[in-house]
Structure formats: C-alpha cells, structure tokens
C-alpha cells in the first residue's frame, strides 16, 4: 500500500515539475559543478515531526497537507509548490526554505511547505491546527548542487561530500546545514529525478579571500 506522502506527491506533483510554482531566482552564477542562486524572501507553513530522514515527509504530510487542502480558518485551498526540501537544523535557527522543507531538530525534523508567491503573511489562511506555524524566511544566497537518482540518505551524503569538495576547490565558503531539495513525484523514473543540495553562502558572499 502506498504511503500517504507518496500518494499525495503522485497526485499533486506531476512528472513535469515545471508545472508547479518554484521560488523565483533573482540571479544565478554558474560554476563547473554547482551554481550560486539568490532567492528572495518566502513564506512557509511548518510543522515538526519525530521521524527518520527517510520518513519525516510522510509523517508530516497529514498535518501540512490538511492545511493546504482547506483545513484552515478561511477554508482556502492552497496550491502545492516545488521542491520538497529537507534540512538538518541548527538549534533555534530557521533555515532557508523551499516549497516543502525538512529540517533536523532535536526531536526529529521540521517539514515546511513554501507558500505560493501570491500570498503574504496578512492574507495567508490561518491554520486551525496548532502544530502548523507560518514562518517568514529572509532572502538568501545559496550554492546549489544538482544530481539525479535515489532520495536515500546514503546517496545524499555521497553527493554532499562531492559538493563540499567542489566548493573547497572554488574557495566558496558556506554556513549552516545543507538542504535536500526534491522536485519530482515518487513515480518519476529514478534516473530522471531532479534533486538538489543547497548550502547558504557565508555573509561575505562566500568567497574565501585567503
């Protein structure tokens, strides 16, 4: 039997991820193995779950999916966006987000859905469920490494090692924990999946001057 998160993504996230709204990129700088993007501020709906790296999205979907499907004060349905993003959390820090985000916390993971750009904090529907929080995320500059294939933690860790090596070679400095961004349905062929790892650049623009 399909798990709830996979069923949701298969229905709402088509094979062509370009059909869904993504956070707008202000500009992009291309390196050999990665790019640097500037993202503007964004608004996210967030919940926290106790789960493993692989299971957090499924466990959190019932809460956040319920919210965007209309279980909110104004009974407004909210469009799903892409990607799904997962991140290890630093204590007491809200990190860069994307339409759906998972961040590691001491209890488990934060899972976040980025809200469509037509919403502001003033007109976004208020959640009924107290487990859902609306969070404003500031503009960020991030280095982005793209790869295809499995969503497993093992593959993510392998690609993160490659990413950090490429950043070191280009003398780019980052801060905080990496984000894992998924853009496709679970039904997309594994070798055609678009996956990304995001790392926020340090406050001086990321360039190591030494």
C-alpha atoms as a PDB file:
ATOM      1  CA  UNK A   1       0.000   0.000   0.000  1.00  0.00           C
ATOM      2  CA  UNK A   2       1.326   3.425  -0.939  1.00  0.00           C
ATOM      3  CA  UNK A   3       2.296   5.650   1.950  1.00  0.00           C
ATOM      4  CA  UNK A   4       0.391   8.890   2.394  1.00  0.00           C
ATOM      5  CA  UNK A   5       3.191  11.204   1.331  1.00  0.00           C
ATOM      6  CA  UNK A   6       3.917   9.245  -1.845  1.00  0.00           C
ATOM      7  CA  UNK A   7       0.226   9.168  -2.710  1.00  0.00           C
ATOM      8  CA  UNK A   8      -0.017  12.936  -2.234  1.00  0.00           C
ATOM      9  CA  UNK A   9       3.019  13.694  -4.357  1.00  0.00           C
ATOM     10  CA  UNK A  10       1.916  11.331  -7.098  1.00  0.00           C
ATOM     11  CA  UNK A  11      -1.400  13.158  -7.380  1.00  0.00           C
ATOM     12  CA  UNK A  12      -0.252  16.746  -6.974  1.00  0.00           C
ATOM     13  CA  UNK A  13       3.300  16.702  -8.315  1.00  0.00           C
ATOM     14  CA  UNK A  14       3.334  15.720 -11.971  1.00  0.00           C
ATOM     15  CA  UNK A  15       6.312  14.143 -13.700  1.00  0.00           C
ATOM     16  CA  UNK A  16       6.946  17.562 -15.231  1.00  0.00           C
ATOM     17  CA  UNK A  17       7.978  19.500 -12.135  1.00  0.00           C
ATOM     18  CA  UNK A  18       7.924  22.713 -14.188  1.00  0.00           C
ATOM     19  CA  UNK A  19       4.112  22.621 -13.879  1.00  0.00           C
ATOM     20  CA  UNK A  20       4.435  23.696 -10.244  1.00  0.00           C
ATOM     21  CA  UNK A  21       5.476  27.094  -8.972  1.00  0.00           C
ATOM     22  CA  UNK A  22       9.047  27.288  -7.658  1.00  0.00           C
ATOM     23  CA  UNK A  23      10.686  30.058  -5.641  1.00  0.00           C
ATOM     24  CA  UNK A  24      11.851  32.753  -8.084  1.00  0.00           C
ATOM     25  CA  UNK A  25      15.603  33.012  -8.640  1.00  0.00           C
ATOM     26  CA  UNK A  26      16.845  36.604  -8.734  1.00  0.00           C
ATOM     27  CA  UNK A  27      20.110  35.672 -10.447  1.00  0.00           C
ATOM     28  CA  UNK A  28      22.382  32.692 -10.927  1.00  0.00           C
ATOM     29  CA  UNK A  29      26.170  32.286 -11.220  1.00  0.00           C
ATOM     30  CA  UNK A  30      27.366  29.082 -12.888  1.00  0.00           C
ATOM     31  CA  UNK A  31      30.460  27.139 -11.766  1.00  0.00           C
ATOM     32  CA  UNK A  32      31.754  23.819 -13.109  1.00  0.00           C
ATOM     33  CA  UNK A  33      29.878  21.559 -10.659  1.00  0.00           C
ATOM     34  CA  UNK A  34      27.344  23.847  -8.991  1.00  0.00           C
ATOM     35  CA  UNK A  35      25.574  27.201  -9.253  1.00  0.00           C
ATOM     36  CA  UNK A  36      25.004  30.082  -6.863  1.00  0.00           C
ATOM     37  CA  UNK A  37      21.447  31.428  -6.662  1.00  0.00           C
ATOM     38  CA  UNK A  38      19.870  34.408  -4.948  1.00  0.00           C
ATOM     39  CA  UNK A  39      16.389  33.707  -3.592  1.00  0.00           C
ATOM     40  CA  UNK A  40      14.065  36.390  -2.286  1.00  0.00           C
ATOM     41  CA  UNK A  41      12.045  36.215   0.944  1.00  0.00           C
ATOM     42  CA  UNK A  42       9.465  33.471   1.185  1.00  0.00           C
ATOM     43  CA  UNK A  43       6.646  32.370   3.422  1.00  0.00           C
ATOM     44  CA  UNK A  44       6.395  28.775   4.674  1.00  0.00           C
ATOM     45  CA  UNK A  45       3.990  26.592   6.613  1.00  0.00           C
ATOM     46  CA  UNK A  46       5.967  24.436   9.031  1.00  0.00           C
ATOM     47  CA  UNK A  47       5.436  21.526  11.369  1.00  0.00           C
ATOM     48  CA  UNK A  48       7.759  19.330  13.418  1.00  0.00           C
ATOM     49  CA  UNK A  49       7.702  15.542  13.498  1.00  0.00           C
ATOM     50  CA  UNK A  50       9.673  12.817  15.243  1.00  0.00           C
ATOM     51  CA  UNK A  51      10.887  10.629  12.400  1.00  0.00           C
ATOM     52  CA  UNK A  52      13.936   9.454  10.478  1.00  0.00           C
ATOM     53  CA  UNK A  53      15.472  11.241   7.489  1.00  0.00           C
ATOM     54  CA  UNK A  54      13.508   8.986   5.137  1.00  0.00           C
ATOM     55  CA  UNK A  55      10.156   9.047   6.946  1.00  0.00           C
ATOM     56  CA  UNK A  56       9.723  12.658   8.060  1.00  0.00           C
ATOM     57  CA  UNK A  57       7.959  13.846   4.889  1.00  0.00           C
ATOM     58  CA  UNK A  58       5.345  11.117   5.056  1.00  0.00           C
ATOM     59  CA  UNK A  59       4.636  11.710   8.728  1.00  0.00           C
ATOM     60  CA  UNK A  60       4.350  15.475   8.351  1.00  0.00           C
ATOM     61  CA  UNK A  61       2.208  15.466   5.228  1.00  0.00           C
ATOM     62  CA  UNK A  62      -1.019  14.629   7.027  1.00  0.00           C
ATOM     63  CA  UNK A  63      -0.590  17.840   9.034  1.00  0.00           C
ATOM     64  CA  UNK A  64       0.600  20.209   6.303  1.00  0.00           C
ATOM     65  CA  UNK A  65      -1.427  18.610   3.526  1.00  0.00           C
ATOM     66  CA  UNK A  66      -4.550  19.022   5.636  1.00  0.00           C
ATOM     67  CA  UNK A  67      -3.733  22.731   5.974  1.00  0.00           C
ATOM     68  CA  UNK A  68      -3.241  23.416   2.247  1.00  0.00           C
ATOM     69  CA  UNK A  69      -6.266  21.304   1.281  1.00  0.00           C
ATOM     70  CA  UNK A  70      -8.524  23.716   3.171  1.00  0.00           C
ATOM     71  CA  UNK A  71      -8.436  22.840   6.866  1.00  0.00           C
ATOM     72  CA  UNK A  72      -7.709  26.436   7.834  1.00  0.00           C
ATOM     73  CA  UNK A  73      -9.754  29.296   9.270  1.00  0.00           C
ATOM     74  CA  UNK A  74     -10.916  30.616   5.884  1.00  0.00           C
ATOM     75  CA  UNK A  75     -11.258  27.119   4.333  1.00  0.00           C
ATOM     76  CA  UNK A  76      -8.985  28.209   1.476  1.00  0.00           C
ATOM     77  CA  UNK A  77      -7.242  25.632  -0.706  1.00  0.00           C
ATOM     78  CA  UNK A  78      -3.576  26.457  -1.324  1.00  0.00           C
ATOM     79  CA  UNK A  79      -1.684  25.299  -4.396  1.00  0.00           C
ATOM     80  CA  UNK A  80       1.227  22.902  -3.904  1.00  0.00           C
ATOM     81  CA  UNK A  81       4.659  24.175  -4.969  1.00  0.00           C
ATOM     82  CA  UNK A  82       8.054  22.563  -5.580  1.00  0.00           C
ATOM     83  CA  UNK A  83      10.535  21.370  -4.434  1.00  0.00           C
ATOM     84  CA  UNK A  84      10.316  19.259  -1.285  1.00  0.00           C
ATOM     85  CA  UNK A  85      13.316  20.211   0.867  1.00  0.00           C
ATOM     86  CA  UNK A  86      14.819  18.532   3.905  1.00  0.00           C
ATOM     87  CA  UNK A  87      17.372  20.072   6.241  1.00  0.00           C
ATOM     88  CA  UNK A  88      19.271  19.305   9.394  1.00  0.00           C
ATOM     89  CA  UNK A  89      18.526  22.069  11.877  1.00  0.00           C
ATOM     90  CA  UNK A  90      20.840  24.176  13.976  1.00  0.00           C
ATOM     91  CA  UNK A  91      19.281  24.900  17.403  1.00  0.00           C
ATOM     92  CA  UNK A  92      16.928  27.888  17.421  1.00  0.00           C
ATOM     93  CA  UNK A  93      17.547  28.767  13.784  1.00  0.00           C
ATOM     94  CA  UNK A  94      15.059  28.908  10.908  1.00  0.00           C
ATOM     95  CA  UNK A  95      16.937  27.984   7.753  1.00  0.00           C
ATOM     96  CA  UNK A  96      16.463  28.563   4.030  1.00  0.00           C
ATOM     97  CA  UNK A  97      13.253  27.054   2.764  1.00  0.00           C
ATOM     98  CA  UNK A  98      11.560  25.891  -0.345  1.00  0.00           C
ATOM     99  CA  UNK A  99       8.040  24.734  -1.004  1.00  0.00           C
ATOM    100  CA  UNK A 100       8.368  21.754   1.268  1.00  0.00           C
ATOM    101  CA  UNK A 101      11.243  21.530   3.688  1.00  0.00           C
ATOM    102  CA  UNK A 102      12.518  19.152   6.323  1.00  0.00           C
ATOM    103  CA  UNK A 103      14.959  20.381   8.926  1.00  0.00           C
ATOM    104  CA  UNK A 104      16.607  18.237  11.564  1.00  0.00           C
ATOM    105  CA  UNK A 105      15.652  19.233  15.114  1.00  0.00           C
ATOM    106  CA  UNK A 106      16.417  17.662  18.461  1.00  0.00           C
ATOM    107  CA  UNK A 107      13.040  15.890  18.372  1.00  0.00           C
ATOM    108  CA  UNK A 108      13.013  14.936  14.682  1.00  0.00           C
ATOM    109  CA  UNK A 109      12.518  17.091  11.604  1.00  0.00           C
ATOM    110  CA  UNK A 110      10.831  20.315  10.669  1.00  0.00           C
ATOM    111  CA  UNK A 111       8.866  19.920   7.452  1.00  0.00           C
ATOM    112  CA  UNK A 112       7.968  23.048   5.547  1.00  0.00           C
ATOM    113  CA  UNK A 113       5.761  23.814   2.567  1.00  0.00           C
ATOM    114  CA  UNK A 114       6.612  27.085   0.835  1.00  0.00           C
ATOM    115  CA  UNK A 115       3.505  29.122   0.163  1.00  0.00           C
ATOM    116  CA  UNK A 116       2.652  30.358  -3.351  1.00  0.00           C
ATOM    117  CA  UNK A 117       4.005  33.820  -4.115  1.00  0.00           C
ATOM    118  CA  UNK A 118       0.506  35.340  -4.308  1.00  0.00           C
ATOM    119  CA  UNK A 119       0.233  35.107  -0.519  1.00  0.00           C
ATOM    120  CA  UNK A 120       1.567  37.471   2.128  1.00  0.00           C
ATOM    121  CA  UNK A 121       1.529  36.946   5.873  1.00  0.00           C
ATOM    122  CA  UNK A 122      -1.517  39.230   6.002  1.00  0.00           C
ATOM    123  CA  UNK A 123      -3.672  37.248   3.545  1.00  0.00           C
ATOM    124  CA  UNK A 124      -2.356  33.693   4.062  1.00  0.00           C
ATOM    125  CA  UNK A 125      -5.056  31.488   5.633  1.00  0.00           C
ATOM    126  CA  UNK A 126      -4.587  30.978   9.361  1.00  0.00           C
ATOM    127  CA  UNK A 127      -4.026  27.342  10.360  1.00  0.00           C
ATOM    128  CA  UNK A 128      -6.548  25.604  12.592  1.00  0.00           C
ATOM    129  CA  UNK A 129      -4.011  23.015  13.693  1.00  0.00           C
ATOM    130  CA  UNK A 130      -1.649  24.432  16.323  1.00  0.00           C
ATOM    131  CA  UNK A 131       1.083  22.152  15.010  1.00  0.00           C
ATOM    132  CA  UNK A 132       1.266  24.292  11.864  1.00  0.00           C
ATOM    133  CA  UNK A 133       3.285  27.505  12.124  1.00  0.00           C
ATOM    134  CA  UNK A 134       3.620  30.230   9.494  1.00  0.00           C
ATOM    135  CA  UNK A 135       7.228  31.395   9.177  1.00  0.00           C
ATOM    136  CA  UNK A 136       8.736  34.275   7.191  1.00  0.00           C
ATOM    137  CA  UNK A 137      12.126  33.340   5.717  1.00  0.00           C
ATOM    138  CA  UNK A 138      14.503  36.139   4.637  1.00  0.00           C
ATOM    139  CA  UNK A 139      16.273  36.425   1.287  1.00  0.00           C
ATOM    140  CA  UNK A 140      19.218  34.054   0.977  1.00  0.00           C
ATOM    141  CA  UNK A 141      22.158  33.344  -1.324  1.00  0.00           C
ATOM    142  CA  UNK A 142      22.792  29.624  -1.734  1.00  0.00           C
ATOM    143  CA  UNK A 143      25.167  27.328  -3.577  1.00  0.00           C
ATOM    144  CA  UNK A 144      23.253  24.563  -5.385  1.00  0.00           C
ATOM    145  CA  UNK A 145      24.473  21.109  -6.440  1.00  0.00           C
ATOM    146  CA  UNK A 146      22.213  19.078  -8.748  1.00  0.00           C
ATOM    147  CA  UNK A 147      22.020  15.314  -9.157  1.00  0.00           C
ATOM    148  CA  UNK A 148      19.578  12.598 -10.198  1.00  0.00           C
ATOM    149  CA  UNK A 149      18.627   9.271  -8.690  1.00  0.00           C
ATOM    150  CA  UNK A 150      17.597   7.935  -5.307  1.00  0.00           C
ATOM    151  CA  UNK A 151      16.233  10.072  -2.459  1.00  0.00           C
ATOM    152  CA  UNK A 152      18.082   7.986   0.115  1.00  0.00           C
ATOM    153  CA  UNK A 153      20.199   9.475   2.843  1.00  0.00           C
ATOM    154  CA  UNK A 154      23.147   7.388   1.630  1.00  0.00           C
ATOM    155  CA  UNK A 155      23.093   8.963  -1.837  1.00  0.00           C
ATOM    156  CA  UNK A 156      22.534  12.416  -0.337  1.00  0.00           C
ATOM    157  CA  UNK A 157      25.579  12.019   1.906  1.00  0.00           C
ATOM    158  CA  UNK A 158      27.704  10.841  -1.015  1.00  0.00           C
ATOM    159  CA  UNK A 159      26.692  13.800  -3.163  1.00  0.00           C
ATOM    160  CA  UNK A 160      27.161  16.223  -0.282  1.00  0.00           C
ATOM    161  CA  UNK A 161      30.774  15.075   0.003  1.00  0.00           C
ATOM    162  CA  UNK A 162      31.270  15.773  -3.719  1.00  0.00           C
ATOM    163  CA  UNK A 163      29.578  19.156  -3.310  1.00  0.00           C
ATOM    164  CA  UNK A 164      31.782  20.236  -0.419  1.00  0.00           C
ATOM    165  CA  UNK A 165      34.878  19.218  -2.387  1.00  0.00           C
ATOM    166  CA  UNK A 166      33.739  21.357  -5.337  1.00  0.00           C
ATOM    167  CA  UNK A 167      33.062  24.326  -3.040  1.00  0.00           C
ATOM    168  CA  UNK A 168      36.509  23.986  -1.479  1.00  0.00           C
ATOM    169  CA  UNK A 169      38.117  23.876  -4.918  1.00  0.00           C
ATOM    170  CA  UNK A 170      36.388  27.134  -5.870  1.00  0.00           C
ATOM    171  CA  UNK A 171      37.159  28.610  -2.427  1.00  0.00           C
ATOM    172  CA  UNK A 172      33.476  29.225  -1.703  1.00  0.00           C
ATOM    173  CA  UNK A 173      32.544  29.424   1.982  1.00  0.00           C
ATOM    174  CA  UNK A 174      29.144  28.378   3.299  1.00  0.00           C
ATOM    175  CA  UNK A 175      27.397  28.271   6.658  1.00  0.00           C
ATOM    176  CA  UNK A 176      24.719  26.216   8.313  1.00  0.00           C
ATOM    177  CA  UNK A 177      23.364  22.809   7.388  1.00  0.00           C
ATOM    178  CA  UNK A 178      22.624  21.550   3.853  1.00  0.00           C
ATOM    179  CA  UNK A 179      19.123  21.289   2.412  1.00  0.00           C
ATOM    180  CA  UNK A 180      17.935  18.412   0.239  1.00  0.00           C
ATOM    181  CA  UNK A 181      15.517  19.624  -2.472  1.00  0.00           C
ATOM    182  CA  UNK A 182      13.331  17.153  -4.389  1.00  0.00           C
ATOM    183  CA  UNK A 183      11.420  18.287  -7.465  1.00  0.00           C
ATOM    184  CA  UNK A 184       9.647  15.168  -8.722  1.00  0.00           C
ATOM    185  CA  UNK A 185       6.917  12.685  -7.945  1.00  0.00           C
ATOM    186  CA  UNK A 186       7.953   9.332  -6.457  1.00  0.00           C
ATOM    187  CA  UNK A 187       6.647   7.850  -9.713  1.00  0.00           C
ATOM    188  CA  UNK A 188       9.277   9.629 -11.793  1.00  0.00           C
ATOM    189  CA  UNK A 189      11.941   7.240 -13.064  1.00  0.00           C
ATOM    190  CA  UNK A 190      14.780   7.403 -10.558  1.00  0.00           C
ATOM    191  CA  UNK A 191      17.397   8.353 -13.149  1.00  0.00           C
ATOM    192  CA  UNK A 192      15.264  11.285 -14.365  1.00  0.00           C
ATOM    193  CA  UNK A 193      14.663  12.804 -10.940  1.00  0.00           C
ATOM    194  CA  UNK A 194      15.851  16.331 -10.269  1.00  0.00           C
ATOM    195  CA  UNK A 195      17.459  16.563  -6.847  1.00  0.00           C
ATOM    196  CA  UNK A 196      19.446  19.443  -5.390  1.00  0.00           C
ATOM    197  CA  UNK A 197      21.563  20.163  -2.327  1.00  0.00           C
ATOM    198  CA  UNK A 198      21.546  23.774  -1.109  1.00  0.00           C
ATOM    199  CA  UNK A 199      24.108  25.421   1.152  1.00  0.00           C
ATOM    200  CA  UNK A 200      23.790  29.031   2.272  1.00  0.00           C
ATOM    201  CA  UNK A 201      26.771  31.250   1.498  1.00  0.00           C
ATOM    202  CA  UNK A 202      28.594  32.989   4.300  1.00  0.00           C
ATOM    203  CA  UNK A 203      27.818  36.651   4.945  1.00  0.00           C
ATOM    204  CA  UNK A 204      30.817  37.953   2.922  1.00  0.00           C
ATOM    205  CA  UNK A 205      29.422  36.443  -0.270  1.00  0.00           C
ATOM    206  CA  UNK A 206      31.059  33.077   0.189  1.00  0.00           C
ATOM    207  CA  UNK A 207      34.438  33.787  -1.374  1.00  0.00           C
ATOM    208  CA  UNK A 208      37.492  32.750   0.609  1.00  0.00           C
ATOM    209  CA  UNK A 209      39.909  35.646   0.317  1.00  0.00           C
ATOM    210  CA  UNK A 210      42.936  33.852   1.708  1.00  0.00           C
END
